[in-house]
Amino acid sequence: MKTSLIAAAFALVLTPVAALADDENAKCTDAAKDTWLSIDAVKAKAEAAGYKDIKKVKVEGTCYEVYAFDKEGNKAEVLFNPSTGEKAGDEAGE
């Protein structure tokens, strides 16, 4: 019983760490940073893709991570390719 409680606690602690590791290793482009689109250009691409009320854009690995709301009004963390401005994936939402 004690062993399974320890194992469960250990799993709960490691799950968010594994998610962060994936986030930090996000790979969207091989292009040099000096060739990336500006943050304003990526915001415009995100808005054109239907995201609104953009709160923040940050570099995450080789991606831009956009914090906004989707078409349904749900919080969204979306990865964009900084070279093309195309959506590269979704992060696990809150």
PDB file of N, CA and C in Angstrom:
ATOM      1  N   MET A   1       0.833  -1.194   0.000  1.00  0.00           N
ATOM      2  CA  MET A   1       0.000   0.000   0.000  1.00  0.00           C
ATOM      3  C   MET A   1       0.877   1.258   0.000  1.00  0.00           C
ATOM      4  N   LYS A   2       1.870   1.265   0.876  1.00  0.00           N
ATOM      5  CA  LYS A   2       2.756   2.418   0.975  1.00  0.00           C
ATOM      6  C   LYS A   2       3.511   2.631  -0.340  1.00  0.00           C
ATOM      7  N   THR A   3       3.930   1.528  -0.960  1.00  0.00           N
ATOM      8  CA  THR A   3       4.672   1.613  -2.219  1.00  0.00           C
ATOM      9  C   THR A   3       3.806   2.209  -3.319  1.00  0.00           C
ATOM     10  N   SER A   4       2.542   1.799  -3.403  1.00  0.00           N
ATOM     11  CA  SER A   4       1.689   2.328  -4.457  1.00  0.00           C
ATOM     12  C   SER A   4       1.363   3.801  -4.230  1.00  0.00           C
ATOM     13  N   LEU A   5       1.272   4.243  -2.985  1.00  0.00           N
ATOM     14  CA  LEU A   5       1.065   5.666  -2.710  1.00  0.00           C
ATOM     15  C   LEU A   5       2.281   6.482  -3.117  1.00  0.00           C
ATOM     16  N   ILE A   6       3.447   5.961  -2.843  1.00  0.00           N
ATOM     17  CA  ILE A   6       4.687   6.656  -3.228  1.00  0.00           C
ATOM     18  C   ILE A   6       4.782   6.709  -4.749  1.00  0.00           C
ATOM     19  N   ALA A   7       4.460   5.607  -5.422  1.00  0.00           N
ATOM     20  CA  ALA A   7       4.516   5.574  -6.884  1.00  0.00           C
ATOM     21  C   ALA A   7       3.523   6.556  -7.490  1.00  0.00           C
ATOM     22  N   ALA A   8       2.333   6.630  -6.921  1.00  0.00           N
ATOM     23  CA  ALA A   8       1.323   7.567  -7.425  1.00  0.00           C
ATOM     24  C   ALA A   8       1.769   9.008  -7.230  1.00  0.00           C
ATOM     25  N   ALA A   9       2.328   9.309  -6.078  1.00  0.00           N
ATOM     26  CA  ALA A   9       2.819  10.664  -5.808  1.00  0.00           C
ATOM     27  C   ALA A   9       3.957  11.025  -6.760  1.00  0.00           C
ATOM     28  N   PHE A  10       4.838  10.080  -7.001  1.00  0.00           N
ATOM     29  CA  PHE A  10       5.963  10.293  -7.902  1.00  0.00           C
ATOM     30  C   PHE A  10       5.465  10.570  -9.316  1.00  0.00           C
ATOM     31  N   ALA A  11       4.462   9.818  -9.772  1.00  0.00           N
ATOM     32  CA  ALA A  11       3.901  10.016 -11.104  1.00  0.00           C
ATOM     33  C   ALA A  11       3.255  11.394 -11.243  1.00  0.00           C
ATOM     34  N   LEU A  12       2.575  11.839 -10.196  1.00  0.00           N
ATOM     35  CA  LEU A  12       1.942  13.162 -10.227  1.00  0.00           C
ATOM     36  C   LEU A  12       2.974  14.271 -10.324  1.00  0.00           C
ATOM     37  N   VAL A  13       4.106  14.079  -9.686  1.00  0.00           N
ATOM     38  CA  VAL A  13       5.163  15.091  -9.718  1.00  0.00           C
ATOM     39  C   VAL A  13       5.838  15.117 -11.081  1.00  0.00           C
ATOM     40  N   LEU A  14       6.048  13.957 -11.692  1.00  0.00           N
ATOM     41  CA  LEU A  14       6.780  13.895 -12.953  1.00  0.00           C
ATOM     42  C   LEU A  14       5.945  14.272 -14.171  1.00  0.00           C
ATOM     43  N   THR A  15       4.651  14.134 -14.122  1.00  0.00           N
ATOM     44  CA  THR A  15       3.815  14.441 -15.280  1.00  0.00           C
ATOM     45  C   THR A  15       3.986  15.880 -15.752  1.00  0.00           C
ATOM     46  N   PRO A  16       3.883  16.891 -14.884  1.00  0.00           N
ATOM     47  CA  PRO A  16       4.093  18.263 -15.366  1.00  0.00           C
ATOM     48  C   PRO A  16       5.517  18.504 -15.851  1.00  0.00           C
ATOM     49  N   VAL A  17       6.498  17.840 -15.250  1.00  0.00           N
ATOM     50  CA  VAL A  17       7.883  18.002 -15.677  1.00  0.00           C
ATOM     51  C   VAL A  17       8.043  17.480 -17.095  1.00  0.00           C
ATOM     52  N   ALA A  18       7.443  16.343 -17.402  1.00  0.00           N
ATOM     53  CA  ALA A  18       7.519  15.796 -18.754  1.00  0.00           C
ATOM     54  C   ALA A  18       6.851  16.735 -19.758  1.00  0.00           C
ATOM     55  N   ALA A  19       5.742  17.335 -19.383  1.00  0.00           N
ATOM     56  CA  ALA A  19       5.058  18.274 -20.271  1.00  0.00           C
ATOM     57  C   ALA A  19       5.929  19.489 -20.542  1.00  0.00           C
ATOM     58  N   LEU A  20       6.606  19.986 -19.527  1.00  0.00           N
ATOM     59  CA  LEU A  20       7.507  21.126 -19.713  1.00  0.00           C
ATOM     60  C   LEU A  20       8.665  20.760 -20.620  1.00  0.00           C
ATOM     61  N   ALA A  21       9.192  19.569 -20.473  1.00  0.00           N
ATOM     62  CA  ALA A  21      10.309  19.149 -21.321  1.00  0.00           C
ATOM     63  C   ALA A  21       9.874  19.127 -22.774  1.00  0.00           C
ATOM     64  N   ASP A  22       8.665  18.632 -23.076  1.00  0.00           N
ATOM     65  CA  ASP A  22       8.169  18.637 -24.440  1.00  0.00           C
ATOM     66  C   ASP A  22       8.028  20.056 -24.964  1.00  0.00           C
ATOM     67  N   ASP A  23       7.504  20.950 -24.120  1.00  0.00           N
ATOM     68  CA  ASP A  23       7.309  22.339 -24.494  1.00  0.00           C
ATOM     69  C   ASP A  23       8.634  23.006 -24.833  1.00  0.00           C
ATOM     70  N   GLU A  24       9.649  22.761 -24.011  1.00  0.00           N
ATOM     71  CA  GLU A  24      10.953  23.388 -24.224  1.00  0.00           C
ATOM     72  C   GLU A  24      11.638  22.852 -25.475  1.00  0.00           C
ATOM     73  N   ASN A  25      11.313  21.626 -25.879  1.00  0.00           N
ATOM     74  CA  ASN A  25      11.945  21.016 -27.037  1.00  0.00           C
ATOM     75  C   ASN A  25      11.109  21.158 -28.299  1.00  0.00           C
ATOM     76  N   ALA A  26      10.113  22.018 -28.253  1.00  0.00           N
ATOM     77  CA  ALA A  26       9.250  22.204 -29.411  1.00  0.00           C
ATOM     78  C   ALA A  26      10.105  22.606 -30.613  1.00  0.00           C
ATOM     79  N   LYS A  27       9.847  21.962 -31.753  1.00  0.00           N
ATOM     80  CA  LYS A  27      10.629  22.236 -32.948  1.00  0.00           C
ATOM     81  C   LYS A  27       9.690  22.623 -34.081  1.00  0.00           C
ATOM     82  N   CYS A  28       9.758  23.865 -34.494  1.00  0.00           N
ATOM     83  CA  CYS A  28       8.903  24.350 -35.570  1.00  0.00           C
ATOM     84  C   CYS A  28       9.687  24.693 -36.827  1.00  0.00           C
ATOM     85  N   THR A  29      10.951  25.066 -36.665  1.00  0.00           N
ATOM     86  CA  THR A  29      11.740  25.511 -37.818  1.00  0.00           C
ATOM     87  C   THR A  29      13.223  25.272 -37.566  1.00  0.00           C
ATOM     88  N   ASP A  30      13.956  25.189 -38.645  1.00  0.00           N
ATOM     89  CA  ASP A  30      15.420  25.123 -38.576  1.00  0.00           C
ATOM     90  C   ASP A  30      16.041  26.462 -38.959  1.00  0.00           C
ATOM     91  N   ALA A  31      15.213  27.426 -39.310  1.00  0.00           N
ATOM     92  CA  ALA A  31      15.698  28.730 -39.779  1.00  0.00           C
ATOM     93  C   ALA A  31      16.357  29.508 -38.646  1.00  0.00           C
ATOM     94  N   ALA A  32      17.340  30.308 -38.985  1.00  0.00           N
ATOM     95  CA  ALA A  32      18.025  31.162 -38.012  1.00  0.00           C
ATOM     96  C   ALA A  32      17.057  32.206 -37.465  1.00  0.00           C
ATOM     97  N   LYS A  33      17.221  32.556 -36.191  1.00  0.00           N
ATOM     98  CA  LYS A  33      16.299  33.498 -35.545  1.00  0.00           C
ATOM     99  C   LYS A  33      16.237  34.850 -36.245  1.00  0.00           C
ATOM    100  N   ASP A  34      17.335  35.263 -36.859  1.00  0.00           N
ATOM    101  CA  ASP A  34      17.314  36.577 -37.510  1.00  0.00           C
ATOM    102  C   ASP A  34      16.466  36.583 -38.787  1.00  0.00           C
ATOM    103  N   THR A  35      15.967  35.416 -39.201  1.00  0.00           N
ATOM    104  CA  THR A  35      15.084  35.347 -40.371  1.00  0.00           C
ATOM    105  C   THR A  35      13.616  35.155 -39.979  1.00  0.00           C
ATOM    106  N   TRP A  36      13.345  35.043 -38.689  1.00  0.00           N
ATOM    107  CA  TRP A  36      11.982  34.804 -38.217  1.00  0.00           C
ATOM    108  C   TRP A  36      11.095  36.020 -38.456  1.00  0.00           C
ATOM    109  N   LEU A  37       9.798  35.759 -38.580  1.00  0.00           N
ATOM    110  CA  LEU A  37       8.820  36.836 -38.653  1.00  0.00           C
ATOM    111  C   LEU A  37       8.813  37.598 -37.334  1.00  0.00           C
ATOM    112  N   SER A  38       8.377  38.833 -37.384  1.00  0.00           N
ATOM    113  CA  SER A  38       8.265  39.619 -36.150  1.00  0.00           C
ATOM    114  C   SER A  38       7.096  39.098 -35.314  1.00  0.00           C
ATOM    115  N   ILE A  39       7.101  39.435 -34.044  1.00  0.00           N
ATOM    116  CA  ILE A  39       5.996  39.050 -33.166  1.00  0.00           C
ATOM    117  C   ILE A  39       4.692  39.650 -33.678  1.00  0.00           C
ATOM    118  N   ASP A  40       4.720  40.879 -34.158  1.00  0.00           N
ATOM    119  CA  ASP A  40       3.505  41.508 -34.702  1.00  0.00           C
ATOM    120  C   ASP A  40       2.974  40.736 -35.909  1.00  0.00           C
ATOM    121  N   ALA A  41       3.868  40.244 -36.761  1.00  0.00           N
ATOM    122  CA  ALA A  41       3.440  39.467 -37.930  1.00  0.00           C
ATOM    123  C   ALA A  41       2.802  38.150 -37.496  1.00  0.00           C
ATOM    124  N   VAL A  42       3.354  37.514 -36.469  1.00  0.00           N
ATOM    125  CA  VAL A  42       2.780  36.260 -35.975  1.00  0.00           C
ATOM    126  C   VAL A  42       1.432  36.522 -35.309  1.00  0.00           C
ATOM    127  N   LYS A  43       1.318  37.644 -34.586  1.00  0.00           N
ATOM    128  CA  LYS A  43       0.016  38.013 -34.013  1.00  0.00           C
ATOM    129  C   LYS A  43      -1.030  38.153 -35.118  1.00  0.00           C
ATOM    130  N   ALA A  44      -0.658  38.794 -36.217  1.00  0.00           N
ATOM    131  CA  ALA A  44      -1.586  38.969 -37.338  1.00  0.00           C
ATOM    132  C   ALA A  44      -1.976  37.621 -37.938  1.00  0.00           C
ATOM    133  N   LYS A  45      -1.023  36.700 -38.054  1.00  0.00           N
ATOM    134  CA  LYS A  45      -1.317  35.360 -38.572  1.00  0.00           C
ATOM    135  C   LYS A  45      -2.256  34.622 -37.617  1.00  0.00           C
ATOM    136  N   ALA A  46      -2.033  34.764 -36.306  1.00  0.00           N
ATOM    137  CA  ALA A  46      -2.890  34.108 -35.318  1.00  0.00           C
ATOM    138  C   ALA A  46      -4.308  34.663 -35.396  1.00  0.00           C
ATOM    139  N   GLU A  47      -4.428  35.972 -35.526  1.00  0.00           N
ATOM    140  CA  GLU A  47      -5.757  36.587 -35.652  1.00  0.00           C
ATOM    141  C   GLU A  47      -6.448  36.115 -36.931  1.00  0.00           C
ATOM    142  N   ALA A  48      -5.702  36.011 -38.024  1.00  0.00           N
ATOM    143  CA  ALA A  48      -6.271  35.525 -39.279  1.00  0.00           C
ATOM    144  C   ALA A  48      -6.728  34.069 -39.161  1.00  0.00           C
ATOM    145  N   ALA A  49      -6.075  33.312 -38.259  1.00  0.00           N
ATOM    146  CA  ALA A  49      -6.447  31.907 -38.031  1.00  0.00           C
ATOM    147  C   ALA A  49      -7.621  31.785 -37.062  1.00  0.00           C
ATOM    148  N   GLY A  50      -8.130  32.928 -36.564  1.00  0.00           N
ATOM    149  CA  GLY A  50      -9.313  32.909 -35.711  1.00  0.00           C
ATOM    150  C   GLY A  50      -9.059  33.091 -34.229  1.00  0.00           C
ATOM    151  N   TYR A  51      -7.817  33.322 -33.835  1.00  0.00           N
ATOM    152  CA  TYR A  51      -7.511  33.562 -32.421  1.00  0.00           C
ATOM    153  C   TYR A  51      -7.696  35.038 -32.122  1.00  0.00           C
ATOM    154  N   LYS A  52      -8.204  35.331 -30.924  1.00  0.00           N
ATOM    155  CA  LYS A  52      -8.487  36.721 -30.573  1.00  0.00           C
ATOM    156  C   LYS A  52      -8.001  37.024 -29.168  1.00  0.00           C
ATOM    157  N   ASP A  53      -7.990  38.301 -28.859  1.00  0.00           N
ATOM    158  CA  ASP A  53      -7.570  38.778 -27.541  1.00  0.00           C
ATOM    159  C   ASP A  53      -6.228  38.165 -27.148  1.00  0.00           C
ATOM    160  N   ILE A  54      -5.239  38.328 -28.026  1.00  0.00           N
ATOM    161  CA  ILE A  54      -3.910  37.749 -27.796  1.00  0.00           C
ATOM    162  C   ILE A  54      -3.266  38.436 -26.600  1.00  0.00           C
ATOM    163  N   LYS A  55      -2.929  37.629 -25.610  1.00  0.00           N
ATOM    164  CA  LYS A  55      -2.363  38.141 -24.360  1.00  0.00           C
ATOM    165  C   LYS A  55      -0.843  38.238 -24.409  1.00  0.00           C
ATOM    166  N   LYS A  56      -0.212  37.248 -25.061  1.00  0.00           N
ATOM    167  CA  LYS A  56       1.246  37.187 -25.025  1.00  0.00           C
ATOM    168  C   LYS A  56       1.740  36.309 -26.169  1.00  0.00           C
ATOM    169  N   VAL A  57       2.918  36.644 -26.681  1.00  0.00           N
ATOM    170  CA  VAL A  57       3.619  35.805 -27.653  1.00  0.00           C
ATOM    171  C   VAL A  57       5.045  35.667 -27.143  1.00  0.00           C
ATOM    172  N   LYS A  58       5.514  34.429 -27.050  1.00  0.00           N
ATOM    173  CA  LYS A  58       6.887  34.213 -26.575  1.00  0.00           C
ATOM    174  C   LYS A  58       7.565  33.135 -27.398  1.00  0.00           C
ATOM    175  N   VAL A  59       8.881  33.127 -27.351  1.00  0.00           N
ATOM    176  CA  VAL A  59       9.664  32.093 -28.028  1.00  0.00           C
ATOM    177  C   VAL A  59       9.664  30.857 -27.133  1.00  0.00           C
ATOM    178  N   GLU A  60       9.325  29.718 -27.736  1.00  0.00           N
ATOM    179  CA  GLU A  60       9.320  28.442 -27.029  1.00  0.00           C
ATOM    180  C   GLU A  60      10.025  27.437 -27.930  1.00  0.00           C
ATOM    181  N   GLY A  61      11.259  27.100 -27.587  1.00  0.00           N
ATOM    182  CA  GLY A  61      12.051  26.235 -28.468  1.00  0.00           C
ATOM    183  C   GLY A  61      12.330  26.975 -29.759  1.00  0.00           C
ATOM    184  N   THR A  62      11.937  26.376 -30.874  1.00  0.00           N
ATOM    185  CA  THR A  62      12.073  27.049 -32.173  1.00  0.00           C
ATOM    186  C   THR A  62      10.698  27.457 -32.704  1.00  0.00           C
ATOM    187  N   CYS A  63       9.801  27.772 -31.781  1.00  0.00           N
ATOM    188  CA  CYS A  63       8.430  28.171 -32.124  1.00  0.00           C
ATOM    189  C   CYS A  63       8.094  29.494 -31.446  1.00  0.00           C
ATOM    190  N   TYR A  64       7.051  30.119 -31.944  1.00  0.00           N
ATOM    191  CA  TYR A  64       6.393  31.182 -31.189  1.00  0.00           C
ATOM    192  C   TYR A  64       5.205  30.533 -30.498  1.00  0.00           C
ATOM    193  N   GLU A  65       5.024  30.806 -29.222  1.00  0.00           N
ATOM    194  CA  GLU A  65       3.860  30.326 -28.495  1.00  0.00           C
ATOM    195  C   GLU A  65       2.942  31.513 -28.253  1.00  0.00           C
ATOM    196  N   VAL A  66       1.706  31.387 -28.728  1.00  0.00           N
ATOM    197  CA  VAL A  66       0.723  32.456 -28.643  1.00  0.00           C
ATOM    198  C   VAL A  66      -0.315  32.096 -27.588  1.00  0.00           C
ATOM    199  N   TYR A  67      -0.525  33.006 -26.642  1.00  0.00           N
ATOM    200  CA  TYR A  67      -1.548  32.851 -25.614  1.00  0.00           C
ATOM    201  C   TYR A  67      -2.724  33.739 -26.012  1.00  0.00           C
ATOM    202  N   ALA A  68      -3.867  33.112 -26.282  1.00  0.00           N
ATOM    203  CA  ALA A  68      -5.020  33.856 -26.789  1.00  0.00           C
ATOM    204  C   ALA A  68      -6.289  33.086 -26.455  1.00  0.00           C
ATOM    205  N   PHE A  69      -7.368  33.458 -27.120  1.00  0.00           N
ATOM    206  CA  PHE A  69      -8.641  32.755 -27.005  1.00  0.00           C
ATOM    207  C   PHE A  69      -9.027  32.258 -28.386  1.00  0.00           C
ATOM    208  N   ASP A  70      -9.592  31.044 -28.450  1.00  0.00           N
ATOM    209  CA  ASP A  70      -9.996  30.491 -29.738  1.00  0.00           C
ATOM    210  C   ASP A  70     -11.375  31.015 -30.146  1.00  0.00           C
ATOM    211  N   LYS A  71     -11.894  30.513 -31.252  1.00  0.00           N
ATOM    212  CA  LYS A  71     -13.177  30.978 -31.796  1.00  0.00           C
ATOM    213  C   LYS A  71     -14.336  30.771 -30.829  1.00  0.00           C
ATOM    214  N   GLU A  72     -14.230  29.733 -29.984  1.00  0.00           N
ATOM    215  CA  GLU A  72     -15.281  29.430 -29.008  1.00  0.00           C
ATOM    216  C   GLU A  72     -15.112  30.190 -27.697  1.00  0.00           C
ATOM    217  N   GLY A  73     -14.048  30.977 -27.593  1.00  0.00           N
ATOM    218  CA  GLY A  73     -13.807  31.751 -26.381  1.00  0.00           C
ATOM    219  C   GLY A  73     -13.012  31.017 -25.317  1.00  0.00           C
ATOM    220  N   ASN A  74     -12.445  29.853 -25.669  1.00  0.00           N
ATOM    221  CA  ASN A  74     -11.619  29.085 -24.730  1.00  0.00           C
ATOM    222  C   ASN A  74     -10.178  29.567 -24.760  1.00  0.00           C
ATOM    223  N   LYS A  75      -9.514  29.493 -23.606  1.00  0.00           N
ATOM    224  CA  LYS A  75      -8.092  29.816 -23.567  1.00  0.00           C
ATOM    225  C   LYS A  75      -7.337  28.872 -24.478  1.00  0.00           C
ATOM    226  N   ALA A  76      -6.344  29.408 -25.172  1.00  0.00           N
ATOM    227  CA  ALA A  76      -5.553  28.593 -26.092  1.00  0.00           C
ATOM    228  C   ALA A  76      -4.084  28.974 -25.994  1.00  0.00           C
ATOM    229  N   GLU A  77      -3.242  27.961 -26.030  1.00  0.00           N
ATOM    230  CA  GLU A  77      -1.800  28.138 -26.155  1.00  0.00           C
ATOM    231  C   GLU A  77      -1.426  27.435 -27.449  1.00  0.00           C
ATOM    232  N   VAL A  78      -1.036  28.213 -28.443  1.00  0.00           N
ATOM    233  CA  VAL A  78      -0.848  27.679 -29.784  1.00  0.00           C
ATOM    234  C   VAL A  78       0.575  27.952 -30.260  1.00  0.00           C
ATOM    235  N   LEU A  79       1.190  26.933 -30.856  1.00  0.00           N
ATOM    236  CA  LEU A  79       2.531  27.074 -31.406  1.00  0.00           C
ATOM    237  C   LEU A  79       2.439  27.471 -32.869  1.00  0.00           C
ATOM    238  N   PHE A  80       3.267  28.444 -33.255  1.00  0.00           N
ATOM    239  CA  PHE A  80       3.343  28.885 -34.638  1.00  0.00           C
ATOM    240  C   PHE A  80       4.772  28.782 -35.136  1.00  0.00           C
ATOM    241  N   ASN A  81       4.910  28.401 -36.399  1.00  0.00           N
ATOM    242  CA  ASN A  81       6.210  28.354 -37.041  1.00  0.00           C
ATOM    243  C   ASN A  81       6.657  29.800 -37.249  1.00  0.00           C
ATOM    244  N   PRO A  82       7.788  30.194 -36.684  1.00  0.00           N
ATOM    245  CA  PRO A  82       8.210  31.593 -36.789  1.00  0.00           C
ATOM    246  C   PRO A  82       8.721  31.989 -38.170  1.00  0.00           C
ATOM    247  N   SER A  83       8.988  31.008 -39.019  1.00  0.00           N
ATOM    248  CA  SER A  83       9.441  31.320 -40.379  1.00  0.00           C
ATOM    249  C   SER A  83       8.277  31.575 -41.318  1.00  0.00           C
ATOM    250  N   THR A  84       7.185  30.810 -41.132  1.00  0.00           N
ATOM    251  CA  THR A  84       6.056  30.901 -42.051  1.00  0.00           C
ATOM    252  C   THR A  84       4.819  31.538 -41.428  1.00  0.00           C
ATOM    253  N   GLY A  85       4.740  31.517 -40.102  1.00  0.00           N
ATOM    254  CA  GLY A  85       3.557  32.019 -39.417  1.00  0.00           C
ATOM    255  C   GLY A  85       2.416  31.026 -39.406  1.00  0.00           C
ATOM    256  N   GLU A  86       2.668  29.804 -39.862  1.00  0.00           N
ATOM    257  CA  GLU A  86       1.630  28.779 -39.880  1.00  0.00           C
ATOM    258  C   GLU A  86       1.522  28.112 -38.515  1.00  0.00           C
ATOM    259  N   LYS A  87       0.306  27.694 -38.173  1.00  0.00           N
ATOM    260  CA  LYS A  87       0.076  27.001 -36.908  1.00  0.00           C
ATOM    261  C   LYS A  87       0.850  25.687 -36.924  1.00  0.00           C
ATOM    262  N   ALA A  88       1.564  25.410 -35.819  1.00  0.00           N
ATOM    263  CA  ALA A  88       2.380  24.199 -35.736  1.00  0.00           C
ATOM    264  C   ALA A  88       1.834  23.210 -34.712  1.00  0.00           C
ATOM    265  N   GLY A  89       0.902  23.646 -33.877  1.00  0.00           N
ATOM    266  CA  GLY A  89       0.332  22.736 -32.883  1.00  0.00           C
ATOM    267  C   GLY A  89      -0.290  23.483 -31.737  1.00  0.00           C
ATOM    268  N   ASP A  90      -0.958  22.706 -30.876  1.00  0.00           N
ATOM    269  CA  ASP A  90      -1.598  23.259 -29.685  1.00  0.00           C
ATOM    270  C   ASP A  90      -0.879  22.749 -28.450  1.00  0.00           C
ATOM    271  N   GLU A  91      -0.802  23.604 -27.461  1.00  0.00           N
ATOM    272  CA  GLU A  91      -0.311  23.187 -26.153  1.00  0.00           C
ATOM    273  C   GLU A  91      -1.494  22.732 -25.345  1.00  0.00           C
ATOM    274  N   ALA A  92      -1.241  21.944 -24.311  1.00  0.00           N
ATOM    275  CA  ALA A  92      -2.334  21.521 -23.422  1.00  0.00           C
ATOM    276  C   ALA A  92      -2.891  22.766 -22.761  1.00  0.00           C
ATOM    277  N   GLY A  93      -4.179  23.008 -22.920  1.00  0.00           N
ATOM    278  CA  GLY A  93      -4.817  24.208 -22.365  1.00  0.00           C
ATOM    279  C   GLY A  93      -5.054  24.088 -20.884  1.00  0.00           C
ATOM    280  N   GLU A  94      -5.346  25.211 -20.276  1.00  0.00           N
ATOM    281  CA  GLU A  94      -5.619  25.241 -18.845  1.00  0.00           C
ATOM    282  C   GLU A  94      -7.091  25.110 -18.632  1.00  0.00           C
TER     283      GLU A  94
END
